[in-house]
């Protein structure tokens, strides 16, 4: 995911980032708890044994004053 972060657990090139969901709070403490923000991302399998990103249904929600930026991976 990051430069020079390969290891035996995840060798270079074994992890692929398709999208990054970034919620920007209006302060360092944030206006919502991390648990509430984590629940804004809903991922469900479309098939029993997913192999690719398209095998998932990914829903990204927002809160009233907490908007999300969705950034495409490389």
PDB file of N, CA and C in Angstrom:
ATOM      1  N   UNK A   1       0.812  -1.185   0.000  1.00  0.00           N
ATOM      2  CA  UNK A   1       0.000   0.000   0.000  1.00  0.00           C
ATOM      3  C   UNK A   1       0.858   1.252   0.000  1.00  0.00           C
ATOM      4  N   UNK A   2       1.950   1.212   0.726  1.00  0.00           N
ATOM      5  CA  UNK A   2       2.833   2.361   0.826  1.00  0.00           C
ATOM      6  C   UNK A   2       4.205   1.962   0.318  1.00  0.00           C
ATOM      7  N   UNK A   3       5.014   2.944  -0.067  1.00  0.00           N
ATOM      8  CA  UNK A   3       6.352   2.659  -0.559  1.00  0.00           C
ATOM      9  C   UNK A   3       7.196   1.946   0.485  1.00  0.00           C
ATOM     10  N   UNK A   4       7.915   0.926   0.049  1.00  0.00           N
ATOM     11  CA  UNK A   4       8.840   0.171   0.904  1.00  0.00           C
ATOM     12  C   UNK A   4       8.168  -0.475   2.110  1.00  0.00           C
ATOM     13  N   UNK A   5       6.941  -0.942   1.962  1.00  0.00           N
ATOM     14  CA  UNK A   5       6.286  -1.581   3.108  1.00  0.00           C
ATOM     15  C   UNK A   5       6.086  -3.084   2.902  1.00  0.00           C
ATOM     16  N   UNK A   6       6.800  -3.674   1.970  1.00  0.00           N
ATOM     17  CA  UNK A   6       6.684  -5.102   1.733  1.00  0.00           C
ATOM     18  C   UNK A   6       7.192  -5.908   2.914  1.00  0.00           C
ATOM     19  N   UNK A   7       6.619  -7.090   3.108  1.00  0.00           N
ATOM     20  CA  UNK A   7       7.052  -7.994   4.176  1.00  0.00           C
ATOM     21  C   UNK A   7       6.645  -9.404   3.781  1.00  0.00           C
ATOM     22  N   UNK A   8       6.985 -10.377   4.619  1.00  0.00           N
ATOM     23  CA  UNK A   8       6.578 -11.751   4.349  1.00  0.00           C
ATOM     24  C   UNK A   8       5.054 -11.872   4.382  1.00  0.00           C
ATOM     25  N   UNK A   9       4.403 -11.061   5.214  1.00  0.00           N
ATOM     26  CA  UNK A   9       2.944 -11.110   5.328  1.00  0.00           C
ATOM     27  C   UNK A   9       2.262 -10.585   4.069  1.00  0.00           C
ATOM     28  N   UNK A  10       2.851  -9.576   3.453  1.00  0.00           N
ATOM     29  CA  UNK A  10       2.307  -9.055   2.192  1.00  0.00           C
ATOM     30  C   UNK A  10       3.454  -8.561   1.323  1.00  0.00           C
ATOM     31  N   UNK A  11       3.974  -9.465   0.450  1.00  0.00           N
ATOM     32  CA  UNK A  11       5.088  -9.097  -0.430  1.00  0.00           C
ATOM     33  C   UNK A  11       4.722  -7.943  -1.366  1.00  0.00           C
ATOM     34  N   UNK A  12       5.742  -7.255  -1.868  1.00  0.00           N
ATOM     35  CA  UNK A  12       5.531  -6.144  -2.809  1.00  0.00           C
ATOM     36  C   UNK A  12       4.583  -6.570  -3.926  1.00  0.00           C
ATOM     37  N   UNK A  13       3.599  -5.743  -4.221  1.00  0.00           N
ATOM     38  CA  UNK A  13       2.667  -6.007  -5.313  1.00  0.00           C
ATOM     39  C   UNK A  13       1.514  -6.926  -4.971  1.00  0.00           C
ATOM     40  N   UNK A  14       1.412  -7.393  -3.719  1.00  0.00           N
ATOM     41  CA  UNK A  14       0.345  -8.331  -3.365  1.00  0.00           C
ATOM     42  C   UNK A  14      -0.921  -7.635  -2.872  1.00  0.00           C
ATOM     43  N   UNK A  15      -0.858  -6.331  -2.634  1.00  0.00           N
ATOM     44  CA  UNK A  15      -2.019  -5.572  -2.176  1.00  0.00           C
ATOM     45  C   UNK A  15      -2.351  -4.526  -3.230  1.00  0.00           C
ATOM     46  N   UNK A  16      -3.627  -4.425  -3.534  1.00  0.00           N
ATOM     47  CA  UNK A  16      -4.076  -3.465  -4.535  1.00  0.00           C
ATOM     48  C   UNK A  16      -5.118  -2.544  -3.902  1.00  0.00           C
ATOM     49  N   UNK A  17      -4.923  -1.249  -4.032  1.00  0.00           N
ATOM     50  CA  UNK A  17      -5.873  -0.269  -3.505  1.00  0.00           C
ATOM     51  C   UNK A  17      -6.728   0.230  -4.665  1.00  0.00           C
ATOM     52  N   UNK A  18      -8.029  -0.034  -4.597  1.00  0.00           N
ATOM     53  CA  UNK A  18      -8.937   0.410  -5.659  1.00  0.00           C
ATOM     54  C   UNK A  18      -9.474   1.805  -5.390  1.00  0.00           C
ATOM     55  N   UNK A  19      -9.854   2.051  -4.146  1.00  0.00           N
ATOM     56  CA  UNK A  19     -10.397   3.362  -3.769  1.00  0.00           C
ATOM     57  C   UNK A  19     -10.023   3.654  -2.320  1.00  0.00           C
ATOM     58  N   UNK A  20      -9.880   4.930  -2.031  1.00  0.00           N
ATOM     59  CA  UNK A  20      -9.675   5.387  -0.659  1.00  0.00           C
ATOM     60  C   UNK A  20     -10.844   6.302  -0.328  1.00  0.00           C
ATOM     61  N   UNK A  21     -11.512   6.025   0.779  1.00  0.00           N
ATOM     62  CA  UNK A  21     -12.609   6.880   1.249  1.00  0.00           C
ATOM     63  C   UNK A  21     -12.052   7.742   2.368  1.00  0.00           C
ATOM     64  N   UNK A  22     -12.144   9.056   2.193  1.00  0.00           N
ATOM     65  CA  UNK A  22     -11.524   9.986   3.133  1.00  0.00           C
ATOM     66  C   UNK A  22     -12.582  10.946   3.664  1.00  0.00           C
ATOM     67  N   UNK A  23     -12.864  10.825   4.956  1.00  0.00           N
ATOM     68  CA  UNK A  23     -13.784  11.738   5.618  1.00  0.00           C
ATOM     69  C   UNK A  23     -12.945  12.763   6.366  1.00  0.00           C
ATOM     70  N   UNK A  24     -13.143  14.023   6.082  1.00  0.00           N
ATOM     71  CA  UNK A  24     -12.357  15.076   6.723  1.00  0.00           C
ATOM     72  C   UNK A  24     -13.207  15.775   7.780  1.00  0.00           C
ATOM     73  N   UNK A  25     -12.762  15.644   9.026  1.00  0.00           N
ATOM     74  CA  UNK A  25     -13.465  16.277  10.148  1.00  0.00           C
ATOM     75  C   UNK A  25     -13.113  17.761  10.214  1.00  0.00           C
ATOM     76  N   UNK A  26     -13.914  18.508  10.938  1.00  0.00           N
ATOM     77  CA  UNK A  26     -13.672  19.943  11.060  1.00  0.00           C
ATOM     78  C   UNK A  26     -12.750  20.294  12.226  1.00  0.00           C
ATOM     79  N   UNK A  27     -12.233  19.266  12.927  1.00  0.00           N
ATOM     80  CA  UNK A  27     -11.276  19.496  14.011  1.00  0.00           C
ATOM     81  C   UNK A  27     -10.445  18.232  14.204  1.00  0.00           C
ATOM     82  N   UNK A  28      -9.355  18.335  14.948  1.00  0.00           N
ATOM     83  CA  UNK A  28      -8.503  17.162  15.190  1.00  0.00           C
ATOM     84  C   UNK A  28      -9.233  16.088  15.994  1.00  0.00           C
ATOM     85  N   UNK A  29     -10.127  16.502  16.873  1.00  0.00           N
ATOM     86  CA  UNK A  29     -10.892  15.540  17.667  1.00  0.00           C
ATOM     87  C   UNK A  29     -12.039  14.926  16.874  1.00  0.00           C
ATOM     88  N   UNK A  30     -12.463  15.604  15.816  1.00  0.00           N
ATOM     89  CA  UNK A  30     -13.546  15.100  14.978  1.00  0.00           C
ATOM     90  C   UNK A  30     -14.909  15.377  15.571  1.00  0.00           C
ATOM     91  N   UNK A  31     -15.893  15.542  14.710  1.00  0.00           N
ATOM     92  CA  UNK A  31     -17.232  15.792  15.213  1.00  0.00           C
ATOM     93  C   UNK A  31     -18.031  14.505  15.394  1.00  0.00           C
ATOM     94  N   UNK A  32     -17.508  13.361  14.935  1.00  0.00           N
ATOM     95  CA  UNK A  32     -18.149  12.062  15.110  1.00  0.00           C
ATOM     96  C   UNK A  32     -17.109  11.058  15.592  1.00  0.00           C
ATOM     97  N   UNK A  33     -17.558  10.025  16.279  1.00  0.00           N
ATOM     98  CA  UNK A  33     -16.639   8.983  16.746  1.00  0.00           C
ATOM     99  C   UNK A  33     -16.129   8.170  15.555  1.00  0.00           C
ATOM    100  N   UNK A  34     -14.978   7.530  15.741  1.00  0.00           N
ATOM    101  CA  UNK A  34     -14.430   6.706  14.657  1.00  0.00           C
ATOM    102  C   UNK A  34     -15.371   5.546  14.335  1.00  0.00           C
ATOM    103  N   UNK A  35     -16.046   4.999  15.337  1.00  0.00           N
ATOM    104  CA  UNK A  35     -16.991   3.900  15.094  1.00  0.00           C
ATOM    105  C   UNK A  35     -18.133   4.359  14.190  1.00  0.00           C
ATOM    106  N   UNK A  36     -18.641   5.553  14.431  1.00  0.00           N
ATOM    107  CA  UNK A  36     -19.734   6.073  13.605  1.00  0.00           C
ATOM    108  C   UNK A  36     -19.267   6.280  12.163  1.00  0.00           C
ATOM    109  N   UNK A  37     -18.042   6.747  11.996  1.00  0.00           N
ATOM    110  CA  UNK A  37     -17.491   6.944  10.651  1.00  0.00           C
ATOM    111  C   UNK A  37     -17.257   5.595   9.973  1.00  0.00           C
ATOM    112  N   UNK A  38     -16.722   4.614  10.688  1.00  0.00           N
ATOM    113  CA  UNK A  38     -16.477   3.292  10.103  1.00  0.00           C
ATOM    114  C   UNK A  38     -17.776   2.664   9.604  1.00  0.00           C
ATOM    115  N   UNK A  39     -18.873   2.909  10.312  1.00  0.00           N
ATOM    116  CA  UNK A  39     -20.166   2.342   9.890  1.00  0.00           C
ATOM    117  C   UNK A  39     -20.720   3.001   8.629  1.00  0.00           C
ATOM    118  N   UNK A  40     -20.108   4.084   8.171  1.00  0.00           N
ATOM    119  CA  UNK A  40     -20.552   4.725   6.930  1.00  0.00           C
ATOM    120  C   UNK A  40     -20.145   3.929   5.695  1.00  0.00           C
ATOM    121  N   UNK A  41     -19.226   3.002   5.866  1.00  0.00           N
ATOM    122  CA  UNK A  41     -18.764   2.160   4.763  1.00  0.00           C
ATOM    123  C   UNK A  41     -19.418   0.789   4.904  1.00  0.00           C
ATOM    124  N   UNK A  42     -20.208   0.404   3.907  1.00  0.00           N
ATOM    125  CA  UNK A  42     -20.937  -0.860   3.939  1.00  0.00           C
ATOM    126  C   UNK A  42     -20.480  -1.710   2.757  1.00  0.00           C
ATOM    127  N   UNK A  43     -19.887  -2.861   3.053  1.00  0.00           N
ATOM    128  CA  UNK A  43     -19.367  -3.748   2.005  1.00  0.00           C
ATOM    129  C   UNK A  43     -20.054  -5.102   2.130  1.00  0.00           C
ATOM    130  N   UNK A  44     -20.669  -5.540   1.034  1.00  0.00           N
ATOM    131  CA  UNK A  44     -21.348  -6.831   1.020  1.00  0.00           C
ATOM    132  C   UNK A  44     -20.889  -7.632  -0.198  1.00  0.00           C
ATOM    133  N   UNK A  45     -20.805  -8.944  -0.015  1.00  0.00           N
ATOM    134  CA  UNK A  45     -20.440  -9.826  -1.123  1.00  0.00           C
ATOM    135  C   UNK A  45     -21.624 -10.017  -2.064  1.00  0.00           C
ATOM    136  N   UNK A  46     -21.349  -9.991  -3.361  1.00  0.00           N
ATOM    137  CA  UNK A  46     -22.376 -10.303  -4.361  1.00  0.00           C
ATOM    138  C   UNK A  46     -22.435 -11.796  -4.647  1.00  0.00           C
ATOM    139  N   UNK A  47     -21.334 -12.496  -4.359  1.00  0.00           N
ATOM    140  CA  UNK A  47     -21.251 -13.940  -4.595  1.00  0.00           C
ATOM    141  C   UNK A  47     -20.627 -14.591  -3.369  1.00  0.00           C
ATOM    142  N   UNK A  48     -20.710 -15.928  -3.295  1.00  0.00           N
ATOM    143  CA  UNK A  48     -20.204 -16.647  -2.120  1.00  0.00           C
ATOM    144  C   UNK A  48     -18.697 -16.531  -1.934  1.00  0.00           C
ATOM    145  N   UNK A  49     -17.948 -16.625  -3.023  1.00  0.00           N
ATOM    146  CA  UNK A  49     -16.487 -16.561  -2.933  1.00  0.00           C
ATOM    147  C   UNK A  49     -15.958 -15.451  -3.835  1.00  0.00           C
ATOM    148  N   UNK A  50     -15.966 -14.217  -3.345  1.00  0.00           N
ATOM    149  CA  UNK A  50     -15.500 -13.104  -4.178  1.00  0.00           C
ATOM    150  C   UNK A  50     -14.008 -13.207  -4.482  1.00  0.00           C
ATOM    151  N   UNK A  51     -13.650 -12.831  -5.708  1.00  0.00           N
ATOM    152  CA  UNK A  51     -12.246 -12.874  -6.134  1.00  0.00           C
ATOM    153  C   UNK A  51     -11.747 -11.507  -6.592  1.00  0.00           C
ATOM    154  N   UNK A  52     -12.665 -10.670  -7.071  1.00  0.00           N
ATOM    155  CA  UNK A  52     -12.281  -9.355  -7.581  1.00  0.00           C
ATOM    156  C   UNK A  52     -13.181  -8.291  -6.950  1.00  0.00           C
ATOM    157  N   UNK A  53     -12.790  -7.044  -7.081  1.00  0.00           N
ATOM    158  CA  UNK A  53     -13.524  -5.937  -6.462  1.00  0.00           C
ATOM    159  C   UNK A  53     -14.974  -5.874  -6.941  1.00  0.00           C
ATOM    160  N   UNK A  54     -15.223  -6.245  -8.190  1.00  0.00           N
ATOM    161  CA  UNK A  54     -16.585  -6.200  -8.730  1.00  0.00           C
ATOM    162  C   UNK A  54     -17.503  -7.258  -8.121  1.00  0.00           C
ATOM    163  N   UNK A  55     -16.934  -8.196  -7.361  1.00  0.00           N
ATOM    164  CA  UNK A  55     -17.732  -9.211  -6.675  1.00  0.00           C
ATOM    165  C   UNK A  55     -18.329  -8.681  -5.372  1.00  0.00           C
ATOM    166  N   UNK A  56     -18.096  -7.406  -5.080  1.00  0.00           N
ATOM    167  CA  UNK A  56     -18.614  -6.774  -3.860  1.00  0.00           C
ATOM    168  C   UNK A  56     -19.538  -5.617  -4.217  1.00  0.00           C
ATOM    169  N   UNK A  57     -20.504  -5.371  -3.364  1.00  0.00           N
ATOM    170  CA  UNK A  57     -21.327  -4.168  -3.445  1.00  0.00           C
ATOM    171  C   UNK A  57     -20.816  -3.234  -2.351  1.00  0.00           C
ATOM    172  N   UNK A  58     -20.310  -2.076  -2.744  1.00  0.00           N
ATOM    173  CA  UNK A  58     -19.707  -1.139  -1.796  1.00  0.00           C
ATOM    174  C   UNK A  58     -20.552   0.130  -1.768  1.00  0.00           C
ATOM    175  N   UNK A  59     -21.057   0.456  -0.580  1.00  0.00           N
ATOM    176  CA  UNK A  59     -21.876   1.649  -0.392  1.00  0.00           C
ATOM    177  C   UNK A  59     -21.162   2.575   0.588  1.00  0.00           C
ATOM    178  N   UNK A  60     -20.947   3.812   0.171  1.00  0.00           N
ATOM    179  CA  UNK A  60     -20.278   4.811   1.006  1.00  0.00           C
ATOM    180  C   UNK A  60     -21.302   5.884   1.340  1.00  0.00           C
ATOM    181  N   UNK A  61     -21.557   6.074   2.643  1.00  0.00           N
ATOM    182  CA  UNK A  61     -22.549   7.053   3.083  1.00  0.00           C
ATOM    183  C   UNK A  61     -21.860   8.288   3.649  1.00  0.00           C
ATOM    184  N   UNK A  62     -22.642   9.343   3.836  1.00  0.00           N
ATOM    185  CA  UNK A  62     -22.139  10.584   4.430  1.00  0.00           C
ATOM    186  C   UNK A  62     -23.037  10.967   5.602  1.00  0.00           C
ATOM    187  N   UNK A  63     -22.516  11.783   6.482  1.00  0.00           N
ATOM    188  CA  UNK A  63     -23.310  12.400   7.538  1.00  0.00           C
ATOM    189  C   UNK A  63     -23.535  13.858   7.158  1.00  0.00           C
ATOM    190  N   UNK A  64     -24.467  14.505   7.826  1.00  0.00           N
ATOM    191  CA  UNK A  64     -24.856  15.875   7.454  1.00  0.00           C
ATOM    192  C   UNK A  64     -23.679  16.805   7.216  1.00  0.00           C
ATOM    193  N   UNK A  65     -22.770  16.891   8.169  1.00  0.00           N
ATOM    194  CA  UNK A  65     -21.658  17.843   8.018  1.00  0.00           C
ATOM    195  C   UNK A  65     -20.314  17.141   7.846  1.00  0.00           C
ATOM    196  N   UNK A  66     -20.355  15.863   7.510  1.00  0.00           N
ATOM    197  CA  UNK A  66     -19.116  15.111   7.286  1.00  0.00           C
ATOM    198  C   UNK A  66     -19.197  14.475   5.901  1.00  0.00           C
ATOM    199  N   UNK A  67     -18.599  15.111   4.933  1.00  0.00           N
ATOM    200  CA  UNK A  67     -18.637  14.635   3.553  1.00  0.00           C
ATOM    201  C   UNK A  67     -17.434  13.737   3.280  1.00  0.00           C
ATOM    202  N   UNK A  68     -17.582  12.880   2.309  1.00  0.00           N
ATOM    203  CA  UNK A  68     -16.522  11.935   1.971  1.00  0.00           C
ATOM    204  C   UNK A  68     -15.930  12.279   0.607  1.00  0.00           C
ATOM    205  N   UNK A  69     -14.618  12.116   0.501  1.00  0.00           N
ATOM    206  CA  UNK A  69     -13.927  12.202  -0.785  1.00  0.00           C
ATOM    207  C   UNK A  69     -13.525  10.779  -1.155  1.00  0.00           C
ATOM    208  N   UNK A  70     -13.864  10.354  -2.353  1.00  0.00           N
ATOM    209  CA  UNK A  70     -13.495   9.015  -2.818  1.00  0.00           C
ATOM    210  C   UNK A  70     -12.392   9.180  -3.849  1.00  0.00           C
ATOM    211  N   UNK A  71     -11.234   8.623  -3.520  1.00  0.00           N
ATOM    212  CA  UNK A  71     -10.030   8.785  -4.329  1.00  0.00           C
ATOM    213  C   UNK A  71      -9.722   7.456  -5.007  1.00  0.00           C
ATOM    214  N   UNK A  72      -9.560   7.471  -6.320  1.00  0.00           N
ATOM    215  CA  UNK A  72      -9.223   6.251  -7.055  1.00  0.00           C
ATOM    216  C   UNK A  72      -7.805   5.818  -6.746  1.00  0.00           C
ATOM    217  N   UNK A  73      -7.614   4.496  -6.629  1.00  0.00           N
ATOM    218  CA  UNK A  73      -6.282   3.943  -6.429  1.00  0.00           C
ATOM    219  C   UNK A  73      -5.474   4.016  -7.708  1.00  0.00           C
ATOM    220  N   UNK A  74      -4.223   3.599  -7.615  1.00  0.00           N
ATOM    221  CA  UNK A  74      -3.332   3.643  -8.776  1.00  0.00           C
ATOM    222  C   UNK A  74      -3.462   2.400  -9.612  1.00  0.00           C
TER     223      UNK A  74
END
